[in-house]
């Protein structure tokens, strides 16, 4: 019970405010649809396994079909059975038929460089469901707390297709701000730039990160009181986690566009020890989620386990998106830290 109370208190802080006590987005929507206060793990209750992208239907672990049931990926699952890096590297999706700009291509494709290629632009998606797999020691608490954050609109994790560049196909991932049902990015928080490739796996086209990439996480840690003419403001704590990611487009059982995904990575214990949240006069330490659990991953190859796994599956819905600020900065100016 003590750890559940800690978890509830943590997420009350994490998904709370970024402007001095007003829930993000509340001024825009009357509080009914709020934005995320920090970037990082996502959760909830939901599914992977809808209709696959190019090549037919499919779901995580070979299950799926149009809007298929979520495969059993509970907290007691052996991560080795699901982690992307444990499988052989899937072949790249070849360019399709020759085309001219404006020509019709196949599902989830556009004419790019005179050939039909996988390209989800201009679609943007918001995460609506996810299932926490690891860390197993805290999966149940995280699952419940994150479900509340997602279902209430307190967590708006946005995935924007960015198109092709010299390093592959890019997705932008960051916190969204809703206003009258239209989303934009929160530019005061990190907007991650993830580069990867479209690969053919499980009878569908999936976008994969090659190797792990650093994911910067900014977490609201407390409030700086109002002083003189300055309103109260949020102070922050930050850490990074290394992640692998797989994403693929599909449809749910009702034919609605979806983006499904799988995130796998780890976070070092030393970084968790540095993260503290101050709420209601209490100090909540991230490391307390892992009470009694020893690290199981050797992150630097020195023979000593110093990190915990971080794994989840997710589902996102297509949203209306309009952001006049075209910058996608993964490293915004330093956020104020708590005194």
Protein backbone atom coordinates (compact mmCIF):
# COMPACT_ATOMS: atom_id res chain seq x y z
CA UNK A 1 0.00 0.00 0.00
CA UNK A 2 2.81 2.42 0.81
CA UNK A 3 4.29 2.12 -2.66
CA UNK A 4 0.89 2.65 -4.33
CA UNK A 5 0.46 5.89 -2.39
CA UNK A 6 3.90 6.96 -3.49
CA UNK A 7 3.04 6.19 -7.11
CA UNK A 8 -0.21 8.14 -6.95
CA UNK A 9 1.55 11.11 -5.43
CA UNK A 10 4.27 10.97 -8.04
CA UNK A 11 1.93 11.11 -11.00
CA UNK A 12 -0.11 13.86 -9.41
CA UNK A 13 3.10 15.85 -9.62
CA UNK A 14 4.46 14.59 -12.94
CA UNK A 15 1.33 15.27 -14.95
CA UNK A 16 0.44 18.44 -13.08
CA UNK A 17 1.53 21.95 -13.93
CA UNK A 18 3.98 23.84 -16.07
CA UNK A 19 2.82 27.37 -15.38
CA UNK A 20 2.52 27.92 -11.66
CA UNK A 21 -0.27 25.63 -10.54
CA UNK A 22 -2.57 25.62 -13.58
CA UNK A 23 -2.75 22.19 -15.23
CA UNK A 24 -1.21 22.41 -18.72
CA UNK A 25 -3.93 23.11 -21.25
CA UNK A 26 -6.56 23.99 -18.64
CA UNK A 27 -6.73 27.60 -19.77
CA UNK A 28 -7.34 26.39 -23.30
CA UNK A 29 -9.93 23.73 -22.65
CA UNK A 30 -11.45 24.46 -19.29
CA UNK A 31 -9.38 21.70 -17.73
CA UNK A 32 -11.04 18.89 -19.63
CA UNK A 33 -8.12 18.25 -21.95
CA UNK A 34 -4.69 18.85 -20.53
CA UNK A 35 -1.14 18.45 -21.69
CA UNK A 36 1.73 16.45 -20.31
CA UNK A 37 3.97 18.05 -17.73
CA UNK A 38 6.94 15.86 -18.56
CA UNK A 39 8.29 13.52 -21.15
CA UNK A 40 9.05 9.88 -20.65
CA UNK A 41 7.39 6.57 -19.90
CA UNK A 42 3.86 6.08 -21.05
CA UNK A 43 1.30 3.63 -19.95
CA UNK A 44 -2.29 2.74 -19.61
CA UNK A 45 -4.29 -0.22 -20.61
CA UNK A 46 -4.46 -1.09 -24.21
CA UNK A 47 -3.35 -2.88 -27.19
CA UNK A 48 -1.02 -3.67 -29.91
CA UNK A 49 -2.20 -5.92 -32.65
CA UNK A 50 -4.42 -3.94 -34.94
CA UNK A 51 -4.31 -4.25 -38.70
CA UNK A 52 -0.75 -4.11 -39.95
CA UNK A 53 0.73 -1.74 -42.47
CA UNK A 54 1.90 -2.62 -45.96
CA UNK A 55 1.85 -6.34 -46.46
CA UNK A 56 -1.28 -7.23 -44.55
CA UNK A 57 -2.57 -7.60 -41.04
CA UNK A 58 -0.51 -8.38 -38.05
CA UNK A 59 0.13 -7.71 -34.42
CA UNK A 60 2.86 -7.88 -31.84
CA UNK A 61 4.18 -11.38 -31.43
CA UNK A 62 2.42 -12.59 -34.56
CA UNK A 63 -1.08 -11.88 -33.33
CA UNK A 64 -3.30 -9.24 -34.78
CA UNK A 65 -5.79 -8.87 -37.51
CA UNK A 66 -7.95 -5.84 -37.97
CA UNK A 67 -8.25 -4.43 -34.48
CA UNK A 68 -7.07 -7.73 -33.03
CA UNK A 69 -6.77 -8.38 -29.33
CA UNK A 70 -3.67 -7.26 -27.55
CA UNK A 71 -1.16 -10.07 -27.10
CA UNK A 72 -0.44 -11.19 -23.56
CA UNK A 73 2.51 -9.02 -22.56
CA UNK A 74 2.03 -8.82 -18.82
CA UNK A 75 4.53 -7.76 -16.20
CA UNK A 76 5.72 -11.36 -15.73
CA UNK A 77 6.73 -11.71 -19.38
CA UNK A 78 10.31 -12.58 -20.16
CA UNK A 79 11.57 -9.45 -21.89
CA UNK A 80 14.01 -11.55 -23.88
CA UNK A 81 11.01 -12.94 -25.73
CA UNK A 82 9.93 -9.51 -26.93
CA UNK A 83 12.86 -7.08 -27.01
CA UNK A 84 13.56 -5.86 -30.57
CA UNK A 85 17.33 -6.22 -30.28
CA UNK A 86 17.02 -9.95 -29.62
CA UNK A 87 15.64 -10.65 -33.11
CA UNK A 88 17.57 -10.74 -36.38
CA UNK A 89 17.67 -7.41 -38.21
CA UNK A 90 14.66 -7.22 -40.50
CA UNK A 91 15.21 -6.36 -44.20
CA UNK A 92 14.66 -2.81 -45.38
CA UNK A 93 11.44 -1.99 -47.19
CA UNK A 94 12.35 -1.39 -50.81
CA UNK A 95 11.09 1.59 -52.77
CA UNK A 96 7.95 0.78 -54.72
CA UNK A 97 6.80 1.66 -58.19
CA UNK A 98 8.03 4.73 -60.00
CA UNK A 99 5.72 7.70 -59.58
CA UNK A 100 5.25 11.40 -60.09
CA UNK A 101 4.40 13.87 -57.31
CA UNK A 102 0.70 13.63 -56.55
CA UNK A 103 0.34 10.06 -57.85
CA UNK A 104 -1.56 7.55 -55.73
CA UNK A 105 0.65 4.98 -54.03
CA UNK A 106 -0.12 2.06 -51.73
CA UNK A 107 -1.43 2.22 -48.16
CA UNK A 108 0.72 4.43 -45.91
CA UNK A 109 2.86 5.46 -48.89
CA UNK A 110 3.59 8.68 -50.77
CA UNK A 111 5.57 9.55 -53.87
CA UNK A 112 9.03 10.48 -52.55
CA UNK A 113 12.05 10.96 -54.85
CA UNK A 114 10.09 9.58 -57.81
CA UNK A 115 9.18 6.31 -56.08
CA UNK A 116 6.35 5.12 -53.84
CA UNK A 117 7.79 4.87 -50.32
CA UNK A 118 6.49 4.43 -46.78
CA UNK A 119 5.60 7.91 -45.53
CA UNK A 120 3.00 8.79 -42.91
CA UNK A 121 3.12 12.55 -43.43
CA UNK A 122 1.12 14.66 -42.77
CA UNK A 123 -0.48 12.46 -40.11
CA UNK A 124 0.22 13.09 -36.42
CA UNK A 125 -0.75 10.71 -33.62
CA UNK A 126 -1.40 10.92 -29.88
CA UNK A 127 -0.73 7.98 -27.58
CA UNK A 128 -4.01 6.70 -26.09
CA UNK A 129 -3.12 3.24 -24.73
CA UNK A 130 -0.03 1.40 -23.60
CA UNK A 131 0.97 -1.59 -21.55
CA UNK A 132 3.89 -1.43 -19.14
CA UNK A 133 5.99 -4.60 -19.30
CA UNK A 134 9.16 -3.53 -17.51
CA UNK A 135 10.17 -2.57 -14.88
CA UNK A 136 8.28 -5.60 -13.58
CA UNK A 137 8.80 -4.54 -9.96
CA UNK A 138 6.68 -1.41 -10.52
CA UNK A 139 4.66 -2.36 -13.62
CA UNK A 140 1.27 -2.60 -11.88
CA UNK A 141 1.57 0.78 -10.16
CA UNK A 142 2.87 2.47 -13.30
CA UNK A 143 0.14 0.85 -15.37
CA UNK A 144 -2.65 2.18 -13.18
CA UNK A 145 -1.20 5.65 -12.73
CA UNK A 146 -0.42 6.08 -16.40
CA UNK A 147 -3.87 4.84 -17.40
CA UNK A 148 -5.32 7.68 -15.35
CA UNK A 149 -2.89 10.17 -16.92
CA UNK A 150 -3.82 9.09 -20.45
CA UNK A 151 -7.57 8.73 -19.97
CA UNK A 152 -7.90 12.14 -18.31
CA UNK A 153 -5.81 13.84 -20.99
CA UNK A 154 -3.04 14.71 -18.55
CA UNK A 155 -0.51 12.89 -20.74
CA UNK A 156 -0.46 13.89 -24.41
CA UNK A 157 2.50 12.12 -25.99
CA UNK A 158 2.56 13.10 -29.68
CA UNK A 159 4.21 11.30 -32.62
CA UNK A 160 4.75 13.36 -35.77
CA UNK A 161 6.06 11.82 -38.99
CA UNK A 162 8.94 13.97 -40.17
CA UNK A 163 9.87 12.35 -43.49
CA UNK A 164 13.14 11.24 -45.03
CA UNK A 165 16.57 12.77 -44.37
CA UNK A 166 20.22 11.84 -44.60
CA UNK A 167 19.93 9.64 -41.48
CA UNK A 168 16.77 7.79 -42.52
CA UNK A 169 13.11 8.42 -41.76
CA UNK A 170 12.40 10.71 -38.82
CA UNK A 171 9.72 10.80 -36.15
CA UNK A 172 9.31 13.68 -33.72
CA UNK A 173 8.11 12.66 -30.26
CA UNK A 174 7.12 15.19 -27.63
CA UNK A 175 4.44 16.55 -25.36
CA UNK A 176 1.34 17.98 -27.00
CA UNK A 177 -0.74 21.00 -26.05
CA UNK A 178 -4.45 20.76 -26.98
CA UNK A 179 -6.53 23.81 -27.77
CA UNK A 180 -10.12 23.34 -28.89
CA UNK A 181 -9.28 19.82 -30.04
CA UNK A 182 -6.25 20.87 -32.12
CA UNK A 183 -2.78 19.91 -30.92
CA UNK A 184 0.63 21.55 -31.11
CA UNK A 185 3.94 20.70 -29.44
CA UNK A 186 4.98 22.10 -26.07
CA UNK A 187 8.17 23.78 -27.17
CA UNK A 188 9.44 24.44 -23.65
CA UNK A 189 9.95 20.67 -23.28
CA UNK A 190 12.19 18.33 -25.31
CA UNK A 191 10.87 17.25 -28.72
CA UNK A 192 12.90 14.15 -29.54
CA UNK A 193 14.24 13.65 -33.07
CA UNK A 194 14.36 9.90 -33.72
CA UNK A 195 15.88 8.64 -36.99
CA UNK A 196 15.31 5.09 -38.22
CA UNK A 197 14.40 2.96 -41.22
CA UNK A 198 11.31 1.24 -42.55
CA UNK A 199 11.83 -2.53 -42.32
CA UNK A 200 9.69 -5.50 -43.28
CA UNK A 201 8.77 -7.63 -40.27
CA UNK A 202 5.73 -9.69 -39.19
CA UNK A 203 4.21 -9.28 -42.68
CA UNK A 204 4.12 -5.49 -42.45
CA UNK A 205 6.28 -2.41 -42.79
CA UNK A 206 7.65 -1.23 -39.44
CA UNK A 207 9.79 1.78 -38.64
CA UNK A 208 12.78 0.74 -36.52
CA UNK A 209 15.48 2.65 -34.70
CA UNK A 210 18.84 1.06 -35.47
CA UNK A 211 20.39 0.47 -32.06
CA UNK A 212 19.40 2.51 -29.04
CA UNK A 213 19.03 6.27 -28.97
CA UNK A 214 19.05 8.55 -25.96
CA UNK A 215 15.65 9.80 -24.81
CA UNK A 216 15.76 12.94 -22.67
CA UNK A 217 13.13 13.01 -19.94
CA UNK A 218 12.08 16.24 -18.23
CA UNK A 219 9.96 15.80 -15.11
CA UNK A 220 8.31 18.62 -13.13
CA UNK A 221 9.79 18.39 -9.66
CA UNK A 222 8.02 21.17 -7.75
CA UNK A 223 6.91 24.79 -7.83
CA UNK A 224 8.93 27.98 -7.46
CA UNK A 225 6.72 30.34 -5.40
CA UNK A 226 5.58 33.65 -6.84
CA UNK A 227 7.89 36.54 -6.05
CA UNK A 228 7.29 40.25 -6.63
CA UNK A 229 5.88 40.54 -10.16
CA UNK A 230 6.87 37.00 -11.15
CA UNK A 231 4.12 34.36 -11.07
CA UNK A 232 4.69 30.93 -9.61
CA UNK A 233 6.46 28.57 -12.00
CA UNK A 234 7.44 24.93 -12.28
CA UNK A 235 10.94 23.69 -11.55
CA UNK A 236 12.29 20.57 -13.23
CA UNK A 237 14.53 17.56 -12.91
CA UNK A 238 15.96 15.70 -15.91
CA UNK A 239 17.52 12.37 -16.82
CA UNK A 240 17.98 10.25 -19.93
CA UNK A 241 17.15 6.67 -20.86
CA UNK A 242 18.42 4.71 -23.85
CA UNK A 243 15.62 3.26 -25.95
CA UNK A 244 14.89 1.13 -28.98
CA UNK A 245 11.62 1.73 -30.81
CA UNK A 246 9.40 0.05 -33.39
CA UNK A 247 6.36 1.80 -34.91
CA UNK A 248 3.85 0.68 -37.53
CA UNK A 249 0.59 2.08 -38.92
CA UNK A 250 -2.71 0.23 -38.94
CA UNK A 251 -6.41 0.41 -38.16
CA UNK A 252 -8.52 -0.65 -35.22
CA UNK A 253 -11.64 -2.80 -35.48
CA UNK A 254 -13.70 0.27 -36.40
CA UNK A 255 -11.41 1.17 -39.29
CA UNK A 256 -9.88 4.15 -37.47
CA UNK A 257 -6.26 5.04 -38.21
CA UNK A 258 -3.83 3.95 -35.53
CA UNK A 259 -0.11 3.95 -34.86
CA UNK A 260 1.14 0.96 -32.89
CA UNK A 261 4.53 0.66 -31.28
CA UNK A 262 6.97 -1.04 -28.97
CA UNK A 263 9.58 0.73 -26.85
CA UNK A 264 12.43 -1.10 -25.18
CA UNK A 265 15.37 0.30 -23.23
CA UNK A 266 16.96 0.76 -19.86
CA UNK A 267 17.65 3.46 -17.27
CA UNK A 268 20.66 3.52 -14.98
CA UNK A 269 20.07 3.29 -11.25
CA UNK A 270 22.38 6.25 -10.60
CA UNK A 271 20.15 8.47 -12.77
CA UNK A 272 17.02 7.34 -10.94
CA UNK A 273 18.66 8.17 -7.61
CA UNK A 274 19.05 11.78 -8.72
CA UNK A 275 15.36 12.28 -9.55
CA UNK A 276 13.17 13.70 -6.80
CA UNK A 277 9.61 15.04 -6.93
CA UNK A 278 8.36 17.47 -4.29
CA UNK A 279 4.61 17.46 -3.76
CA UNK A 280 2.38 18.21 -0.78
CA UNK A 281 5.38 18.83 1.43
CA UNK A 282 6.79 15.38 0.65
CA UNK A 283 9.82 14.32 -1.37
CA UNK A 284 9.25 11.35 -3.67
CA UNK A 285 12.32 9.58 -5.04
CA UNK A 286 12.10 7.64 -8.30
CA UNK A 287 14.40 5.00 -6.92
CA UNK A 288 11.75 4.10 -4.33
CA UNK A 289 9.77 2.40 -7.13
CA UNK A 290 12.56 -0.15 -7.30
CA UNK A 291 12.76 -0.89 -3.60
CA UNK A 292 14.26 -4.34 -3.04
CA UNK A 293 15.03 -4.88 -6.74
CA UNK A 294 18.63 -5.15 -7.89
CA UNK A 295 19.65 -3.82 -11.33
CA UNK A 296 19.58 -6.52 -14.01
CA UNK A 297 21.37 -4.80 -16.92
CA UNK A 298 25.06 -4.03 -17.41
CA UNK A 299 24.79 -0.75 -19.33
CA UNK A 300 28.51 -0.13 -19.92
CA UNK A 301 30.03 -3.60 -20.21
CA UNK A 302 32.08 -3.44 -17.01
CA UNK A 303 30.56 -6.65 -15.64
CA UNK A 304 28.42 -4.88 -13.03
CA UNK A 305 24.64 -4.64 -13.38
CA UNK A 306 23.77 -0.97 -12.98
CA UNK A 307 20.47 -0.43 -14.84
CA UNK A 308 16.83 -1.48 -14.94
CA UNK A 309 14.86 -2.47 -18.08
CA UNK A 310 12.17 -0.20 -19.47
CA UNK A 311 9.69 -1.81 -21.89
CA UNK A 312 6.18 -1.00 -23.05
CA UNK A 313 3.81 -1.40 -26.01
CA UNK A 314 1.58 1.43 -27.14
CA UNK A 315 -1.28 2.53 -29.39
CA UNK A 316 -1.86 6.06 -30.73
CA UNK A 317 -4.78 7.69 -32.52
CA UNK A 318 -4.61 10.17 -35.37
CA UNK A 319 -5.23 13.73 -34.22
CA UNK A 320 -5.78 17.16 -35.70
CA UNK A 321 -2.46 18.98 -35.49
CA UNK A 322 -1.46 22.54 -36.30
CA UNK A 323 1.80 23.95 -34.94
CA UNK A 324 2.89 27.31 -36.37
CA UNK A 325 6.30 26.86 -34.72
CA UNK A 326 8.20 24.54 -37.05
CA UNK A 327 11.19 24.04 -34.73
CA UNK A 328 11.55 20.59 -33.17
CA UNK A 329 14.22 21.16 -30.53
CA UNK A 330 15.31 18.07 -28.56
CA UNK A 331 17.37 20.27 -26.24
CA UNK A 332 15.43 23.43 -25.33
CA UNK A 333 16.98 26.07 -23.06
CA UNK A 334 17.78 24.89 -19.57
CA UNK A 335 14.65 24.47 -17.50
CA UNK A 336 14.69 26.02 -14.02
CA UNK A 337 15.70 23.57 -11.29
CA UNK A 338 14.21 23.55 -7.82
CA UNK A 339 16.03 25.64 -5.20
